[in-house]
C-alpha atoms as a PDB file:
ATOM      1  CA  UNK A   1     153.441  11.795  74.559  1.00  0.00           C
ATOM      2  CA  UNK A   2     151.570   8.623  75.546  1.00  0.00           C
ATOM      3  CA  UNK A   3     149.011   8.898  78.318  1.00  0.00           C
ATOM      4  CA  UNK A   4     149.569   6.902  81.502  1.00  0.00           C
ATOM      5  CA  UNK A   5     147.299   3.875  81.787  1.00  0.00           C
ATOM      6  CA  UNK A   6     144.815   3.815  84.663  1.00  0.00           C
ATOM      7  CA  UNK A   7     142.412   1.168  85.917  1.00  0.00           C
ATOM      8  CA  UNK A   8     138.850   1.837  84.821  1.00  0.00           C
ATOM      9  CA  UNK A   9     137.458   1.716  88.358  1.00  0.00           C
ATOM     10  CA  UNK A  10     134.137   3.196  87.193  1.00  0.00           C
ATOM     11  CA  UNK A  11     133.397   0.102  85.119  1.00  0.00           C
ATOM     12  CA  UNK A  12     133.881  -2.010  88.233  1.00  0.00           C
ATOM     13  CA  UNK A  13     131.809   0.229  90.490  1.00  0.00           C
ATOM     14  CA  UNK A  14     128.528  -1.635  90.029  1.00  0.00           C
ATOM     15  CA  UNK A  15     129.955  -5.082  89.270  1.00  0.00           C
ATOM     16  CA  UNK A  16     129.651  -7.642  92.087  1.00  0.00           C
ATOM     17  CA  UNK A  17     132.458  -9.833  90.697  1.00  0.00           C
ATOM     18  CA  UNK A  18     135.402  -9.550  88.349  1.00  0.00           C
ATOM     19  CA  UNK A  19     135.788 -12.922  86.615  1.00  0.00           C
ATOM     20  CA  UNK A  20     138.954 -13.752  84.675  1.00  0.00           C
ATOM     21  CA  UNK A  21     140.385 -16.775  82.923  1.00  0.00           C
ATOM     22  CA  UNK A  22     143.481 -17.801  80.965  1.00  0.00           C
ATOM     23  CA  UNK A  23     144.187 -20.813  78.771  1.00  0.00           C
ATOM     24  CA  UNK A  24     147.307 -22.734  79.782  1.00  0.00           C
ATOM     25  CA  UNK A  25     149.444 -25.410  78.139  1.00  0.00           C
ATOM     26  CA  UNK A  26     152.459 -27.511  79.132  1.00  0.00           C
ATOM     27  CA  UNK A  27     155.642 -25.608  78.374  1.00  0.00           C
ATOM     28  CA  UNK A  28     157.053 -28.785  76.785  1.00  0.00           C
ATOM     29  CA  UNK A  29     155.290 -31.833  75.450  1.00  0.00           C
ATOM     30  CA  UNK A  30     151.709 -32.677  76.391  1.00  0.00           C
ATOM     31  CA  UNK A  31     151.793 -34.421  79.781  1.00  0.00           C
ATOM     32  CA  UNK A  32     151.352 -32.761  83.171  1.00  0.00           C
ATOM     33  CA  UNK A  33     151.081 -33.823  86.812  1.00  0.00           C
ATOM     34  CA  UNK A  34     148.040 -32.537  88.737  1.00  0.00           C
ATOM     35  CA  UNK A  35     147.794 -31.785  92.419  1.00  0.00           C
ATOM     36  CA  UNK A  36     147.167 -34.809  94.626  1.00  0.00           C
ATOM     37  CA  UNK A  37     145.274 -35.314  97.868  1.00  0.00           C
ATOM     38  CA  UNK A  38     145.816 -37.777 100.694  1.00  0.00           C
ATOM     39  CA  UNK A  39     143.632 -40.912 100.357  1.00  0.00           C
ATOM     40  CA  UNK A  40     142.296 -39.534  97.064  1.00  0.00           C
ATOM     41  CA  UNK A  41     145.107 -38.953  94.619  1.00  0.00           C
ATOM     42  CA  UNK A  42     144.292 -36.807  91.571  1.00  0.00           C
ATOM     43  CA  UNK A  43     140.941 -35.022  91.874  1.00  0.00           C
ATOM     44  CA  UNK A  44     139.026 -36.366  88.859  1.00  0.00           C
ATOM     45  CA  UNK A  45     135.355 -35.725  88.227  1.00  0.00           C
ATOM     46  CA  UNK A  46     132.814 -36.078  85.437  1.00  0.00           C
ATOM     47  CA  UNK A  47     130.424 -33.400  84.173  1.00  0.00           C
ATOM     48  CA  UNK A  48     126.752 -34.290  83.621  1.00  0.00           C
ATOM     49  CA  UNK A  49     127.416 -34.484  79.853  1.00  0.00           C
ATOM     50  CA  UNK A  50     130.136 -37.094  80.413  1.00  0.00           C
ATOM     51  CA  UNK A  51     133.149 -34.798  80.001  1.00  0.00           C
ATOM     52  CA  UNK A  52     136.145 -36.033  82.006  1.00  0.00           C
ATOM     53  CA  UNK A  53     137.598 -33.241  84.169  1.00  0.00           C
ATOM     54  CA  UNK A  54     140.627 -32.907  86.439  1.00  0.00           C
ATOM     55  CA  UNK A  55     141.565 -30.393  89.131  1.00  0.00           C
ATOM     56  CA  UNK A  56     145.123 -29.319  88.298  1.00  0.00           C
ATOM     57  CA  UNK A  57     145.581 -26.786  91.128  1.00  0.00           C
ATOM     58  CA  UNK A  58     143.244 -26.163  94.070  1.00  0.00           C
ATOM     59  CA  UNK A  59     141.875 -22.868  95.389  1.00  0.00           C
ATOM     60  CA  UNK A  60     144.083 -23.104  98.487  1.00  0.00           C
ATOM     61  CA  UNK A  61     147.252 -23.742  96.496  1.00  0.00           C
ATOM     62  CA  UNK A  62     146.615 -20.944  93.984  1.00  0.00           C
ATOM     63  CA  UNK A  63     145.968 -18.572  96.911  1.00  0.00           C
ATOM     64  CA  UNK A  64     149.343 -19.490  98.413  1.00  0.00           C
ATOM     65  CA  UNK A  65     151.074 -18.890  95.082  1.00  0.00           C
ATOM     66  CA  UNK A  66     149.387 -15.519  94.544  1.00  0.00           C
ATOM     67  CA  UNK A  67     150.387 -14.445  98.051  1.00  0.00           C
ATOM     68  CA  UNK A  68     154.007 -15.129  97.118  1.00  0.00           C
ATOM     69  CA  UNK A  69     153.703 -12.862  94.069  1.00  0.00           C
ATOM     70  CA  UNK A  70     154.747  -9.850  96.150  1.00  0.00           C
ATOM     71  CA  UNK A  71     157.582 -11.543  98.027  1.00  0.00           C
ATOM     72  CA  UNK A  72     161.317 -11.638  97.213  1.00  0.00           C
ATOM     73  CA  UNK A  73     162.603 -14.818  98.818  1.00  0.00           C
ATOM     74  CA  UNK A  74     166.278 -14.003  98.309  1.00  0.00           C
ATOM     75  CA  UNK A  75     166.085 -10.877 100.477  1.00  0.00           C
ATOM     76  CA  UNK A  76     163.152 -11.977 102.682  1.00  0.00           C
ATOM     77  CA  UNK A  77     161.137  -8.846 101.981  1.00  0.00           C
ATOM     78  CA  UNK A  78     158.558  -7.391  99.626  1.00  0.00           C
ATOM     79  CA  UNK A  79     159.679  -6.817  96.055  1.00  0.00           C
ATOM     80  CA  UNK A  80     161.260  -3.382  95.837  1.00  0.00           C
ATOM     81  CA  UNK A  81     158.366  -1.742  93.972  1.00  0.00           C
ATOM     82  CA  UNK A  82     155.921  -2.684  96.750  1.00  0.00           C
ATOM     83  CA  UNK A  83     158.023  -1.431  99.654  1.00  0.00           C
ATOM     84  CA  UNK A  84     155.777   0.509 102.028  1.00  0.00           C
ATOM     85  CA  UNK A  85     152.962  -2.042 101.964  1.00  0.00           C
ATOM     86  CA  UNK A  86     152.269  -2.999 105.610  1.00  0.00           C
ATOM     87  CA  UNK A  87     152.824  -6.434 107.116  1.00  0.00           C
ATOM     88  CA  UNK A  88     153.927  -8.029 110.376  1.00  0.00           C
ATOM     89  CA  UNK A  89     157.522  -9.197 110.708  1.00  0.00           C
ATOM     90  CA  UNK A  90     157.832 -11.935 113.318  1.00  0.00           C
ATOM     91  CA  UNK A  91     161.193 -11.936 115.069  1.00  0.00           C
ATOM     92  CA  UNK A  92     162.335 -14.817 117.260  1.00  0.00           C
ATOM     93  CA  UNK A  93     164.063 -13.809 120.464  1.00  0.00           C
ATOM     94  CA  UNK A  94     167.859 -13.934 119.942  1.00  0.00           C
ATOM     95  CA  UNK A  95     167.383 -15.546 116.523  1.00  0.00           C
ATOM     96  CA  UNK A  96     166.429 -12.810 114.063  1.00  0.00           C
ATOM     97  CA  UNK A  97     163.530 -12.872 111.593  1.00  0.00           C
ATOM     98  CA  UNK A  98     161.367 -15.977 111.923  1.00  0.00           C
ATOM     99  CA  UNK A  99     158.374 -15.387 109.648  1.00  0.00           C
ATOM    100  CA  UNK A 100     155.852 -12.740 108.611  1.00  0.00           C
ATOM    101  CA  UNK A 101     152.140 -12.266 108.040  1.00  0.00           C
ATOM    102  CA  UNK A 102     152.515 -12.566 104.263  1.00  0.00           C
ATOM    103  CA  UNK A 103     153.852 -16.106 104.456  1.00  0.00           C
ATOM    104  CA  UNK A 104     152.047 -17.456 107.523  1.00  0.00           C
ATOM    105  CA  UNK A 105     149.020 -19.591 106.647  1.00  0.00           C
ATOM    106  CA  UNK A 106     147.031 -17.783 109.360  1.00  0.00           C
ATOM    107  CA  UNK A 107     148.529 -14.354 108.599  1.00  0.00           C
ATOM    108  CA  UNK A 108     148.223 -12.006 111.591  1.00  0.00           C
ATOM    109  CA  UNK A 109     146.388 -14.769 113.447  1.00  0.00           C
ATOM    110  CA  UNK A 110     149.617 -16.805 113.457  1.00  0.00           C
ATOM    111  CA  UNK A 111     150.501 -18.316 116.815  1.00  0.00           C
ATOM    112  CA  UNK A 112     153.888 -16.657 116.393  1.00  0.00           C
ATOM    113  CA  UNK A 113     152.194 -13.240 116.439  1.00  0.00           C
ATOM    114  CA  UNK A 114     150.509 -13.718 119.822  1.00  0.00           C
ATOM    115  CA  UNK A 115     152.288 -10.677 121.248  1.00  0.00           C
ATOM    116  CA  UNK A 116     150.460  -8.543 118.684  1.00  0.00           C
ATOM    117  CA  UNK A 117     146.962  -9.877 119.331  1.00  0.00           C
ATOM    118  CA  UNK A 118     146.244  -7.914 122.525  1.00  0.00           C
ATOM    119  CA  UNK A 119     147.369  -4.728 120.813  1.00  0.00           C
ATOM    120  CA  UNK A 120     145.131  -5.423 117.828  1.00  0.00           C
ATOM    121  CA  UNK A 121     142.138  -6.306 120.043  1.00  0.00           C
ATOM    122  CA  UNK A 122     142.539  -3.032 121.923  1.00  0.00           C
ATOM    123  CA  UNK A 123     142.807  -1.070 118.698  1.00  0.00           C
ATOM    124  CA  UNK A 124     139.536  -2.422 117.318  1.00  0.00           C
ATOM    125  CA  UNK A 125     137.976  -2.097 120.805  1.00  0.00           C
ATOM    126  CA  UNK A 126     136.999  -5.736 120.821  1.00  0.00           C
ATOM    127  CA  UNK A 127     134.767  -6.930 123.653  1.00  0.00           C
ATOM    128  CA  UNK A 128     133.921 -10.588 124.007  1.00  0.00           C
ATOM    129  CA  UNK A 129     130.324  -9.855 124.976  1.00  0.00           C
ATOM    130  CA  UNK A 130     129.854  -6.766 122.798  1.00  0.00           C
ATOM    131  CA  UNK A 131     129.117  -5.969 119.177  1.00  0.00           C
ATOM    132  CA  UNK A 132     132.015  -5.868 116.739  1.00  0.00           C
ATOM    133  CA  UNK A 133     132.797  -2.593 114.999  1.00  0.00           C
ATOM    134  CA  UNK A 134     133.389  -4.205 111.625  1.00  0.00           C
ATOM    135  CA  UNK A 135     134.478  -1.042 109.851  1.00  0.00           C
ATOM    136  CA  UNK A 136     137.120  -0.415 112.518  1.00  0.00           C
ATOM    137  CA  UNK A 137     138.162  -4.071 112.245  1.00  0.00           C
ATOM    138  CA  UNK A 138     138.590  -3.851 108.459  1.00  0.00           C
ATOM    139  CA  UNK A 139     140.413  -0.521 108.690  1.00  0.00           C
ATOM    140  CA  UNK A 140     142.837  -1.980 111.227  1.00  0.00           C
ATOM    141  CA  UNK A 141     143.506  -4.997 109.009  1.00  0.00           C
ATOM    142  CA  UNK A 142     144.240  -2.602 106.161  1.00  0.00           C
ATOM    143  CA  UNK A 143     146.541  -0.640 108.470  1.00  0.00           C
ATOM    144  CA  UNK A 144     148.698  -3.610 109.448  1.00  0.00           C
ATOM    145  CA  UNK A 145     148.297  -6.113 106.599  1.00  0.00           C
ATOM    146  CA  UNK A 146     146.107  -5.241 103.564  1.00  0.00           C
ATOM    147  CA  UNK A 147     146.724  -8.721 102.168  1.00  0.00           C
ATOM    148  CA  UNK A 148     144.484 -10.082 104.932  1.00  0.00           C
ATOM    149  CA  UNK A 149     141.562  -8.365 103.189  1.00  0.00           C
ATOM    150  CA  UNK A 150     142.502  -9.935  99.857  1.00  0.00           C
ATOM    151  CA  UNK A 151     143.216 -13.494 100.956  1.00  0.00           C
ATOM    152  CA  UNK A 152     140.993 -13.670 104.041  1.00  0.00           C
ATOM    153  CA  UNK A 153     141.691 -14.340 107.702  1.00  0.00           C
ATOM    154  CA  UNK A 154     140.041 -15.760 110.784  1.00  0.00           C
ATOM    155  CA  UNK A 155     141.292 -14.385 114.101  1.00  0.00           C
ATOM    156  CA  UNK A 156     140.195 -17.094 116.503  1.00  0.00           C
ATOM    157  CA  UNK A 157     143.200 -16.204 118.674  1.00  0.00           C
ATOM    158  CA  UNK A 158     141.376 -12.948 119.497  1.00  0.00           C
ATOM    159  CA  UNK A 159     137.724 -13.825 119.044  1.00  0.00           C
ATOM    160  CA  UNK A 160     135.898 -16.680 117.368  1.00  0.00           C
ATOM    161  CA  UNK A 161     133.891 -14.333 115.136  1.00  0.00           C
ATOM    162  CA  UNK A 162     136.568 -12.016 113.694  1.00  0.00           C
ATOM    163  CA  UNK A 163     136.642 -13.294 110.161  1.00  0.00           C
ATOM    164  CA  UNK A 164     137.163 -11.922 106.652  1.00  0.00           C
ATOM    165  CA  UNK A 165     136.169 -14.027 103.658  1.00  0.00           C
ATOM    166  CA  UNK A 166     138.706 -14.449 100.884  1.00  0.00           C
ATOM    167  CA  UNK A 167     138.136 -11.811  98.171  1.00  0.00           C
ATOM    168  CA  UNK A 168     140.515 -13.176  95.525  1.00  0.00           C
ATOM    169  CA  UNK A 169     140.384 -16.830  94.583  1.00  0.00           C
ATOM    170  CA  UNK A 170     141.599 -18.953  91.710  1.00  0.00           C
ATOM    171  CA  UNK A 171     141.942 -22.535  90.543  1.00  0.00           C
ATOM    172  CA  UNK A 172     143.205 -24.498  87.531  1.00  0.00           C
ATOM    173  CA  UNK A 173     141.280 -27.319  85.901  1.00  0.00           C
ATOM    174  CA  UNK A 174     141.683 -29.487  82.798  1.00  0.00           C
ATOM    175  CA  UNK A 175     138.973 -30.592  80.393  1.00  0.00           C
ATOM    176  CA  UNK A 176     138.663 -33.802  78.334  1.00  0.00           C
ATOM    177  CA  UNK A 177     141.476 -35.557  80.171  1.00  0.00           C
ATOM    178  CA  UNK A 178     143.104 -38.922  79.520  1.00  0.00           C
ATOM    179  CA  UNK A 179     145.594 -40.831  81.654  1.00  0.00           C
ATOM    180  CA  UNK A 180     149.236 -41.040  80.601  1.00  0.00           C
ATOM    181  CA  UNK A 181     150.887 -43.921  82.489  1.00  0.00           C
ATOM    182  CA  UNK A 182     154.659 -44.266  82.701  1.00  0.00           C
ATOM    183  CA  UNK A 183     157.283 -45.465  85.142  1.00  0.00           C
ATOM    184  CA  UNK A 184     160.917 -45.875  86.024  1.00  0.00           C
ATOM    185  CA  UNK A 185     163.399 -47.548  88.330  1.00  0.00           C
ATOM    186  CA  UNK A 186     165.268 -46.203  91.341  1.00  0.00           C
ATOM    187  CA  UNK A 187     168.693 -47.795  90.931  1.00  0.00           C
ATOM    188  CA  UNK A 188     171.128 -48.876  93.642  1.00  0.00           C
ATOM    189  CA  UNK A 189     174.454 -49.189  91.785  1.00  0.00           C
ATOM    190  CA  UNK A 190     176.262 -50.847  94.708  1.00  0.00           C
ATOM    191  CA  UNK A 191     173.839 -53.478  96.043  1.00  0.00           C
ATOM    192  CA  UNK A 192     170.868 -53.733  93.672  1.00  0.00           C
ATOM    193  CA  UNK A 193     169.456 -56.838  95.427  1.00  0.00           C
ATOM    194  CA  UNK A 194     168.957 -55.212  98.850  1.00  0.00           C
ATOM    195  CA  UNK A 195     165.477 -55.750 100.290  1.00  0.00           C
ATOM    196  CA  UNK A 196     162.999 -53.324 101.790  1.00  0.00           C
ATOM    197  CA  UNK A 197     163.210 -50.719  99.057  1.00  0.00           C
ATOM    198  CA  UNK A 198     166.949 -50.177  99.428  1.00  0.00           C
ATOM    199  CA  UNK A 199     167.924 -51.894  96.177  1.00  0.00           C
ATOM    200  CA  UNK A 200     166.594 -51.429  92.652  1.00  0.00           C
ATOM    201  CA  UNK A 201     162.934 -50.344  92.995  1.00  0.00           C
ATOM    202  CA  UNK A 202     160.590 -49.975  90.019  1.00  0.00           C
ATOM    203  CA  UNK A 203     157.832 -47.377  90.306  1.00  0.00           C
ATOM    204  CA  UNK A 204     154.896 -46.123  88.283  1.00  0.00           C
ATOM    205  CA  UNK A 205     153.839 -42.564  87.496  1.00  0.00           C
ATOM    206  CA  UNK A 206     150.384 -41.348  86.523  1.00  0.00           C
ATOM    207  CA  UNK A 207     150.235 -38.143  84.486  1.00  0.00           C
ATOM    208  CA  UNK A 208     147.540 -36.692  82.265  1.00  0.00           C
ATOM    209  CA  UNK A 209     146.948 -35.106  78.886  1.00  0.00           C
ATOM    210  CA  UNK A 210     144.029 -32.763  78.228  1.00  0.00           C
ATOM    211  CA  UNK A 211     142.285 -31.016  75.383  1.00  0.00           C
ATOM    212  CA  UNK A 212     142.156 -27.806  77.447  1.00  0.00           C
ATOM    213  CA  UNK A 213     143.702 -26.417  80.645  1.00  0.00           C
ATOM    214  CA  UNK A 214     142.366 -23.187  82.132  1.00  0.00           C
ATOM    215  CA  UNK A 215     143.098 -20.988  85.114  1.00  0.00           C
ATOM    216  CA  UNK A 216     140.101 -19.172  86.597  1.00  0.00           C
ATOM    217  CA  UNK A 217     140.129 -16.155  88.930  1.00  0.00           C
ATOM    218  CA  UNK A 218     137.334 -14.476  90.881  1.00  0.00           C
ATOM    219  CA  UNK A 219     137.677 -11.079  92.588  1.00  0.00           C
ATOM    220  CA  UNK A 220     134.746 -10.301  94.898  1.00  0.00           C
ATOM    221  CA  UNK A 221     134.302  -6.558  94.327  1.00  0.00           C
ATOM    222  CA  UNK A 222     131.112  -6.357  96.391  1.00  0.00           C
ATOM    223  CA  UNK A 223     132.968  -7.809  99.377  1.00  0.00           C
ATOM    224  CA  UNK A 224     135.807  -5.280  99.047  1.00  0.00           C
ATOM    225  CA  UNK A 225     133.373  -2.371  98.810  1.00  0.00           C
ATOM    226  CA  UNK A 226     131.507  -3.706 101.837  1.00  0.00           C
ATOM    227  CA  UNK A 227     134.545  -3.242 104.075  1.00  0.00           C
ATOM    228  CA  UNK A 228     133.771   0.476 104.266  1.00  0.00           C
ATOM    229  CA  UNK A 229     137.273   1.629 103.346  1.00  0.00           C
ATOM    230  CA  UNK A 230     138.123   4.803 101.453  1.00  0.00           C
ATOM    231  CA  UNK A 231     138.044   4.784  97.647  1.00  0.00           C
ATOM    232  CA  UNK A 232     141.850   4.829  97.453  1.00  0.00           C
ATOM    233  CA  UNK A 233     142.157   1.939  99.903  1.00  0.00           C
ATOM    234  CA  UNK A 234     139.605  -0.153  97.996  1.00  0.00           C
ATOM    235  CA  UNK A 235     141.311   0.666  94.701  1.00  0.00           C
ATOM    236  CA  UNK A 236     144.652  -0.459  96.131  1.00  0.00           C
ATOM    237  CA  UNK A 237     143.144  -3.830  97.050  1.00  0.00           C
ATOM    238  CA  UNK A 238     141.773  -4.150  93.499  1.00  0.00           C
ATOM    239  CA  UNK A 239     145.045  -3.141  91.820  1.00  0.00           C
ATOM    240  CA  UNK A 240     147.084  -5.410  94.097  1.00  0.00           C
ATOM    241  CA  UNK A 241     144.754  -8.341  93.389  1.00  0.00           C
ATOM    242  CA  UNK A 242     145.071  -7.879  89.625  1.00  0.00           C
ATOM    243  CA  UNK A 243     148.839  -7.602  89.937  1.00  0.00           C
ATOM    244  CA  UNK A 244     148.921 -10.872  91.896  1.00  0.00           C
ATOM    245  CA  UNK A 245     146.944 -12.624  89.147  1.00  0.00           C
ATOM    246  CA  UNK A 246     149.262 -11.302  86.432  1.00  0.00           C
ATOM    247  CA  UNK A 247     152.359 -12.155  88.464  1.00  0.00           C
ATOM    248  CA  UNK A 248     151.154 -15.698  89.144  1.00  0.00           C
ATOM    249  CA  UNK A 249     150.590 -16.257  85.412  1.00  0.00           C
ATOM    250  CA  UNK A 250     153.983 -14.829  84.459  1.00  0.00           C
ATOM    251  CA  UNK A 251     156.210 -16.366  87.140  1.00  0.00           C
ATOM    252  CA  UNK A 252     154.310 -18.983  89.162  1.00  0.00           C
ATOM    253  CA  UNK A 253     153.156 -21.640  86.705  1.00  0.00           C
ATOM    254  CA  UNK A 254     155.781 -24.254  87.496  1.00  0.00           C
ATOM    255  CA  UNK A 255     153.369 -25.947  89.842  1.00  0.00           C
ATOM    256  CA  UNK A 256     155.374 -29.152  90.297  1.00  0.00           C
ATOM    257  CA  UNK A 257     158.438 -30.871  88.807  1.00  0.00           C
ATOM    258  CA  UNK A 258     156.241 -32.517  86.174  1.00  0.00           C
ATOM    259  CA  UNK A 259     153.741 -29.672  85.840  1.00  0.00           C
ATOM    260  CA  UNK A 260     155.357 -26.698  84.145  1.00  0.00           C
ATOM    261  CA  UNK A 261     152.777 -24.564  82.340  1.00  0.00           C
ATOM    262  CA  UNK A 262     152.593 -21.305  80.408  1.00  0.00           C
ATOM    263  CA  UNK A 263     149.794 -18.983  79.264  1.00  0.00           C
ATOM    264  CA  UNK A 264     148.381 -19.820  75.842  1.00  0.00           C
ATOM    265  CA  UNK A 265     147.055 -16.427  74.704  1.00  0.00           C
ATOM    266  CA  UNK A 266     146.253 -13.796  77.335  1.00  0.00           C
ATOM    267  CA  UNK A 267     144.275 -13.222  80.497  1.00  0.00           C
ATOM    268  CA  UNK A 268     140.685 -12.389  79.538  1.00  0.00           C
ATOM    269  CA  UNK A 269     137.709 -10.966  81.426  1.00  0.00           C
ATOM    270  CA  UNK A 270     134.359 -12.746  81.236  1.00  0.00           C
ATOM    271  CA  UNK A 271     132.512 -10.402  83.620  1.00  0.00           C
ATOM    272  CA  UNK A 272     132.145  -7.448  83.240  1.00  0.00           C
ATOM    273  CA  UNK A 273     133.154  -8.012  79.615  1.00  0.00           C
ATOM    274  CA  UNK A 274     133.899  -4.345  78.911  1.00  0.00           C
ATOM    275  CA  UNK A 275     136.676  -4.254  81.512  1.00  0.00           C
ATOM    276  CA  UNK A 276     140.268  -4.579  80.269  1.00  0.00           C
ATOM    277  CA  UNK A 277     143.155  -5.705  82.492  1.00  0.00           C
ATOM    278  CA  UNK A 278     146.446  -3.918  81.945  1.00  0.00           C
ATOM    279  CA  UNK A 279     149.808  -5.627  81.782  1.00  0.00           C
ATOM    280  CA  UNK A 280     151.873  -6.482  84.835  1.00  0.00           C
ATOM    281  CA  UNK A 281     154.105  -3.400  84.665  1.00  0.00           C
ATOM    282  CA  UNK A 282     151.167  -0.980  84.488  1.00  0.00           C
ATOM    283  CA  UNK A 283     149.441  -2.699  87.407  1.00  0.00           C
ATOM    284  CA  UNK A 284     152.624  -2.520  89.471  1.00  0.00           C
ATOM    285  CA  UNK A 285     152.909   1.212  88.772  1.00  0.00           C
ATOM    286  CA  UNK A 286     149.307   1.672  89.904  1.00  0.00           C
ATOM    287  CA  UNK A 287     150.033  -0.240  93.105  1.00  0.00           C
ATOM    288  CA  UNK A 288     153.062   1.986  93.786  1.00  0.00           C
ATOM    289  CA  UNK A 289     150.975   5.112  93.264  1.00  0.00           C
ATOM    290  CA  UNK A 290     148.234   3.927  95.609  1.00  0.00           C
ATOM    291  CA  UNK A 291     150.702   2.764  98.277  1.00  0.00           C
ATOM    292  CA  UNK A 292     151.989   6.333  98.394  1.00  0.00           C
ATOM    293  CA  UNK A 293     148.450   7.740  98.469  1.00  0.00           C
ATOM    294  CA  UNK A 294     147.348   5.378 101.258  1.00  0.00           C
ATOM    295  CA  UNK A 295     150.448   5.891 103.429  1.00  0.00           C
ATOM    296  CA  UNK A 296     148.490   7.899 106.083  1.00  0.00           C
ATOM    297  CA  UNK A 297     146.227   4.839 106.541  1.00  0.00           C
ATOM    298  CA  UNK A 298     149.139   2.473 107.169  1.00  0.00           C
ATOM    299  CA  UNK A 299     151.018   1.667 110.349  1.00  0.00           C
ATOM    300  CA  UNK A 300     154.143   3.769 110.890  1.00  0.00           C
ATOM    301  CA  UNK A 301     156.566   2.240 110.238  1.00  0.00           C
ATOM    302  CA  UNK A 302     154.763   0.085 107.694  1.00  0.00           C
ATOM    303  CA  UNK A 303     156.485  -3.093 108.884  1.00  0.00           C
ATOM    304  CA  UNK A 304     155.389  -3.948 112.419  1.00  0.00           C
ATOM    305  CA  UNK A 305     157.947  -6.010 114.353  1.00  0.00           C
ATOM    306  CA  UNK A 306     156.453  -8.674 116.609  1.00  0.00           C
ATOM    307  CA  UNK A 307     158.660 -10.662 118.979  1.00  0.00           C
ATOM    308  CA  UNK A 308     157.990 -14.353 119.442  1.00  0.00           C
ATOM    309  CA  UNK A 309     159.068 -16.305 122.490  1.00  0.00           C
ATOM    310  CA  UNK A 310     158.453 -20.055 122.718  1.00  0.00           C
ATOM    311  CA  UNK A 311     155.918 -20.945 125.388  1.00  0.00           C
ATOM    312  CA  UNK A 312     156.220 -23.805 127.817  1.00  0.00           C
ATOM    313  CA  UNK A 313     154.077 -26.609 126.352  1.00  0.00           C
ATOM    314  CA  UNK A 314     152.352 -27.322 129.670  1.00  0.00           C
ATOM    315  CA  UNK A 315     151.433 -23.683 130.267  1.00  0.00           C
ATOM    316  CA  UNK A 316     150.207 -23.347 126.682  1.00  0.00           C
ATOM    317  CA  UNK A 317     147.999 -26.434 126.990  1.00  0.00           C
ATOM    318  CA  UNK A 318     146.532 -25.108 130.249  1.00  0.00           C
ATOM    319  CA  UNK A 319     145.846 -21.733 128.615  1.00  0.00           C
ATOM    320  CA  UNK A 320     144.122 -23.349 125.649  1.00  0.00           C
ATOM    321  CA  UNK A 321     141.839 -25.363 127.938  1.00  0.00           C
ATOM    322  CA  UNK A 322     140.621 -22.138 129.494  1.00  0.00           C
ATOM    323  CA  UNK A 323     139.759 -20.511 126.158  1.00  0.00           C
ATOM    324  CA  UNK A 324     136.169 -20.596 125.011  1.00  0.00           C
ATOM    325  CA  UNK A 325     136.179 -19.782 121.328  1.00  0.00           C
ATOM    326  CA  UNK A 326     133.752 -20.888 118.647  1.00  0.00           C
ATOM    327  CA  UNK A 327     135.413 -22.257 115.526  1.00  0.00           C
ATOM    328  CA  UNK A 328     133.682 -22.062 112.149  1.00  0.00           C
ATOM    329  CA  UNK A 329     133.821 -25.336 110.212  1.00  0.00           C
ATOM    330  CA  UNK A 330     134.691 -23.357 107.075  1.00  0.00           C
ATOM    331  CA  UNK A 331     137.661 -21.608 108.692  1.00  0.00           C
ATOM    332  CA  UNK A 332     140.318 -23.265 106.544  1.00  0.00           C
ATOM    333  CA  UNK A 333     138.699 -21.942 103.381  1.00  0.00           C
ATOM    334  CA  UNK A 334     139.444 -18.376 104.421  1.00  0.00           C
ATOM    335  CA  UNK A 335     142.878 -18.843 105.924  1.00  0.00           C
ATOM    336  CA  UNK A 336     144.780 -19.703 102.762  1.00  0.00           C
ATOM    337  CA  UNK A 337     146.234 -22.784 104.420  1.00  0.00           C
ATOM    338  CA  UNK A 338     148.884 -24.833 102.646  1.00  0.00           C
ATOM    339  CA  UNK A 339     147.775 -28.209 101.397  1.00  0.00           C
END
């Protein structure tokens, strides 16, 4: 009888980071469309040795895609094997489910979760002019939304200093890139001579080819250990992070209409090199086991319903003027905001 696979947590015990990478390739042909930025376009850059590089997918975008790894859009809930993992469900008054902390860019700091913020502040015993009990803060995040400890959060709605740095990050870049120019025509079959873009309109498209495309992932183990959680809780965050990476590589690589990629080989570990990452199914089983083990640490029930009621714009503006909160210039980096 085969033995059940387990994560070698001992190998990770003294490692500050777990670094992973995977070679990618277009699923058909050679061309691909990279991410674009306003007033910049494709993010191209040159290494000191002259190598032409291209950012295919940004840290923020990969974070958003890994967050979706646990979500079943068709049923608007966690995938069945991860049921029991805590999160906030935001319900609009008289309108059913509105959103949740897994999909909101600001997670539990979402403006739609305002009715939860006072409760959370009381639970962590937050005082504006007092010291923060960081261990209690991290434990409460784990209680209501463990994903906040993986993807980071900044609770400026409660206090301008309640922040958790992102533990799991990833990006995709291409090496030795060349431009592949093409184009087409938007046809108007009824009145092709209409002006102002309503008739036949030619357009150009800029894509790229590359000698190598790679996805890189970084799990900050030292940060997770520093939260002061129990061993089982920390191990759940590790297992869930690895599952998200595997799930992203297996199901989330259609980044855009003209950027459909697949893994060329397998996910490999570059640090610590002796660590081996199991397949997606084994990681999911480990997550299920640890969700059951950590149940006493979770909110009961695990899904916390939060009602949202639209505020009068004038009263909201007046309230905001009276708030005195410091905002970190790097906030967006730890909120997993959509691009």
